[in-house]
Amino acid sequence: MTREADITIPAHDRLVREKERQLLTSISRSQAWKLEQVGLFPKRRKLSPRGNTVVWLLSELNEWIASREQVK
């Protein structure tokens, strides 16, 4: 039996995979992971039970980008 991933997506939001996340945020995969580990970047969500596929909510990435722009 296959388990479904536990992801709730608001109607106005969508999922973003790694390539698009890199384009939107302009930071590398490893840098995003490091920032995520210390709570400075949106948490990834597992799309598959094994965790092979991860995604981010576009709204959370947009909030992070906006917060970075305020720092400048």
N, C-alpha and C. Protein backbone atom coordinates (compact mmCIF):
# COMPACT_ATOMS: atom_id res chain seq x y z
N MET A 1 0.84 -1.18 0.00
CA MET A 1 0.00 0.00 0.00
C MET A 1 0.88 1.24 0.00
N THR A 2 0.57 2.20 -0.82
CA THR A 2 1.35 3.42 -0.96
C THR A 2 0.82 4.50 -0.04
N ARG A 3 1.71 5.14 0.70
CA ARG A 3 1.32 6.26 1.55
C ARG A 3 1.35 7.53 0.72
N GLU A 4 0.39 8.40 0.96
CA GLU A 4 0.40 9.70 0.30
C GLU A 4 1.17 10.68 1.15
N ALA A 5 1.82 11.62 0.52
CA ALA A 5 2.55 12.66 1.25
C ALA A 5 1.55 13.55 1.98
N ASP A 6 1.95 14.06 3.13
CA ASP A 6 1.07 14.89 3.94
C ASP A 6 1.36 16.36 3.63
N ILE A 7 0.82 16.85 2.52
CA ILE A 7 1.02 18.23 2.13
C ILE A 7 -0.33 18.88 1.90
N THR A 8 -0.57 19.96 2.62
CA THR A 8 -1.79 20.73 2.43
C THR A 8 -1.41 22.00 1.70
N ILE A 9 -2.03 22.24 0.55
CA ILE A 9 -1.71 23.39 -0.27
C ILE A 9 -2.91 24.32 -0.32
N PRO A 10 -2.75 25.56 0.11
CA PRO A 10 -3.85 26.51 -0.02
C PRO A 10 -4.23 26.66 -1.50
N ALA A 11 -5.49 26.97 -1.76
CA ALA A 11 -5.99 27.07 -3.13
C ALA A 11 -5.22 28.06 -3.98
N HIS A 12 -4.69 29.11 -3.38
CA HIS A 12 -3.99 30.16 -4.13
C HIS A 12 -2.48 29.91 -4.24
N ASP A 13 -2.01 28.76 -3.81
CA ASP A 13 -0.58 28.47 -3.76
C ASP A 13 -0.24 27.33 -4.72
N ARG A 14 1.05 27.07 -4.89
CA ARG A 14 1.47 25.92 -5.69
C ARG A 14 2.82 25.43 -5.20
N LEU A 15 3.20 24.24 -5.65
CA LEU A 15 4.46 23.62 -5.24
C LEU A 15 5.57 24.01 -6.21
N VAL A 16 6.78 24.14 -5.66
CA VAL A 16 7.95 24.51 -6.45
C VAL A 16 9.01 23.44 -6.23
N ARG A 17 9.55 22.92 -7.32
CA ARG A 17 10.63 21.93 -7.23
C ARG A 17 11.99 22.63 -7.23
N GLU A 18 13.04 21.84 -7.07
CA GLU A 18 14.39 22.36 -6.85
C GLU A 18 14.87 23.33 -7.93
N LYS A 19 14.72 22.98 -9.19
CA LYS A 19 15.23 23.87 -10.26
C LYS A 19 14.60 25.24 -10.21
N GLU A 20 13.28 25.26 -10.03
CA GLU A 20 12.59 26.55 -9.96
C GLU A 20 12.97 27.30 -8.68
N ARG A 21 13.14 26.56 -7.58
CA ARG A 21 13.54 27.18 -6.32
C ARG A 21 14.88 27.90 -6.50
N GLN A 22 15.80 27.27 -7.18
CA GLN A 22 17.10 27.89 -7.43
C GLN A 22 16.95 29.15 -8.27
N LEU A 23 16.11 29.11 -9.29
CA LEU A 23 15.90 30.29 -10.13
C LEU A 23 15.27 31.44 -9.34
N LEU A 24 14.31 31.11 -8.50
CA LEU A 24 13.62 32.14 -7.73
C LEU A 24 14.50 32.77 -6.66
N THR A 25 15.28 31.95 -5.97
CA THR A 25 16.04 32.43 -4.81
C THR A 25 17.49 32.78 -5.10
N SER A 26 18.02 32.28 -6.19
CA SER A 26 19.42 32.53 -6.59
C SER A 26 20.43 32.01 -5.57
N ILE A 27 20.05 30.98 -4.82
CA ILE A 27 21.03 30.36 -3.92
C ILE A 27 21.12 28.88 -4.26
N SER A 28 22.27 28.30 -3.97
CA SER A 28 22.51 26.90 -4.31
C SER A 28 21.71 25.96 -3.42
N ARG A 29 21.67 24.72 -3.82
CA ARG A 29 20.98 23.68 -3.05
C ARG A 29 21.59 23.55 -1.66
N SER A 30 22.92 23.52 -1.60
CA SER A 30 23.58 23.36 -0.29
C SER A 30 23.38 24.58 0.61
N GLN A 31 23.40 25.76 0.04
CA GLN A 31 23.17 26.97 0.84
C GLN A 31 21.75 27.02 1.37
N ALA A 32 20.79 26.63 0.54
CA ALA A 32 19.39 26.59 0.98
C ALA A 32 19.24 25.59 2.12
N TRP A 33 19.88 24.43 2.00
CA TRP A 33 19.81 23.41 3.05
C TRP A 33 20.39 23.94 4.36
N LYS A 34 21.56 24.59 4.28
CA LYS A 34 22.20 25.13 5.48
C LYS A 34 21.30 26.18 6.15
N LEU A 35 20.73 27.07 5.36
CA LEU A 35 19.84 28.10 5.92
C LEU A 35 18.58 27.47 6.51
N GLU A 36 18.07 26.44 5.86
CA GLU A 36 16.88 25.75 6.36
C GLU A 36 17.16 25.10 7.71
N GLN A 37 18.34 24.53 7.88
CA GLN A 37 18.68 23.84 9.12
C GLN A 37 18.71 24.77 10.33
N VAL A 38 18.99 26.05 10.10
CA VAL A 38 19.03 27.02 11.21
C VAL A 38 17.78 27.91 11.24
N GLY A 39 16.77 27.54 10.45
CA GLY A 39 15.50 28.25 10.47
C GLY A 39 15.46 29.56 9.70
N LEU A 40 16.39 29.75 8.77
CA LEU A 40 16.44 30.98 8.01
C LEU A 40 15.96 30.84 6.56
N PHE A 41 15.36 29.71 6.25
CA PHE A 41 14.85 29.45 4.91
C PHE A 41 13.62 28.56 5.06
N PRO A 42 12.64 28.69 4.17
CA PRO A 42 11.43 27.86 4.26
C PRO A 42 11.75 26.36 4.27
N LYS A 43 11.00 25.63 5.05
CA LYS A 43 11.19 24.18 5.14
C LYS A 43 10.70 23.49 3.87
N ARG A 44 11.48 22.53 3.43
CA ARG A 44 11.07 21.71 2.30
C ARG A 44 10.01 20.72 2.76
N ARG A 45 9.23 20.25 1.83
CA ARG A 45 8.20 19.25 2.12
C ARG A 45 8.46 18.03 1.25
N LYS A 46 8.31 16.87 1.84
CA LYS A 46 8.51 15.62 1.10
C LYS A 46 7.27 15.31 0.28
N LEU A 47 7.49 15.13 -1.00
CA LEU A 47 6.38 14.84 -1.91
C LEU A 47 6.14 13.34 -2.01
N SER A 48 7.17 12.55 -1.71
CA SER A 48 7.03 11.10 -1.77
C SER A 48 7.37 10.50 -0.40
N PRO A 49 6.86 9.33 -0.09
CA PRO A 49 7.12 8.72 1.21
C PRO A 49 8.61 8.53 1.51
N ARG A 50 9.40 8.23 0.51
CA ARG A 50 10.84 8.05 0.72
C ARG A 50 11.58 9.37 0.89
N GLY A 51 10.96 10.44 0.49
CA GLY A 51 11.61 11.74 0.60
C GLY A 51 12.53 12.06 -0.56
N ASN A 52 12.43 11.27 -1.65
CA ASN A 52 13.27 11.51 -2.83
C ASN A 52 12.91 12.81 -3.54
N THR A 53 11.65 13.17 -3.49
CA THR A 53 11.18 14.38 -4.14
C THR A 53 10.75 15.37 -3.08
N VAL A 54 11.37 16.54 -3.11
CA VAL A 54 11.00 17.57 -2.16
C VAL A 54 10.52 18.81 -2.91
N VAL A 55 9.65 19.57 -2.25
CA VAL A 55 9.08 20.77 -2.84
C VAL A 55 8.99 21.85 -1.77
N TRP A 56 8.77 23.08 -2.23
CA TRP A 56 8.53 24.21 -1.34
C TRP A 56 7.24 24.86 -1.77
N LEU A 57 6.58 25.55 -0.86
CA LEU A 57 5.41 26.33 -1.22
C LEU A 57 5.87 27.65 -1.81
N LEU A 58 5.30 28.02 -2.95
CA LEU A 58 5.68 29.25 -3.62
C LEU A 58 5.47 30.45 -2.70
N SER A 59 4.39 30.46 -1.95
CA SER A 59 4.11 31.59 -1.05
C SER A 59 5.21 31.77 -0.01
N GLU A 60 5.73 30.66 0.53
CA GLU A 60 6.80 30.75 1.53
C GLU A 60 8.09 31.25 0.91
N LEU A 61 8.39 30.80 -0.31
CA LEU A 61 9.59 31.29 -1.00
C LEU A 61 9.45 32.79 -1.30
N ASN A 62 8.27 33.21 -1.73
CA ASN A 62 8.05 34.64 -2.02
C ASN A 62 8.20 35.48 -0.76
N GLU A 63 7.73 34.98 0.38
CA GLU A 63 7.90 35.70 1.65
C GLU A 63 9.38 35.81 2.00
N TRP A 64 10.12 34.73 1.80
CA TRP A 64 11.56 34.74 2.09
C TRP A 64 12.27 35.76 1.19
N ILE A 65 11.93 35.76 -0.10
CA ILE A 65 12.54 36.71 -1.05
C ILE A 65 12.23 38.14 -0.62
N ALA A 66 10.99 38.41 -0.26
CA ALA A 66 10.59 39.76 0.17
C ALA A 66 11.36 40.16 1.43
N SER A 67 11.56 39.23 2.35
CA SER A 67 12.29 39.57 3.57
C SER A 67 13.76 39.88 3.27
N ARG A 68 14.32 39.24 2.29
CA ARG A 68 15.72 39.49 1.89
C ARG A 68 15.83 40.86 1.23
N GLU A 69 14.83 41.26 0.46
CA GLU A 69 14.84 42.55 -0.20
C GLU A 69 14.76 43.69 0.81
N GLN A 70 14.08 43.46 1.93
CA GLN A 70 13.97 44.47 2.97
C GLN A 70 15.31 44.69 3.67
N VAL A 71 16.16 43.67 3.70
CA VAL A 71 17.46 43.77 4.36
C VAL A 71 18.39 44.68 3.59
N LYS A 72 18.26 44.69 2.26
CA LYS A 72 19.17 45.46 1.39
C LYS A 72 19.09 46.93 1.64
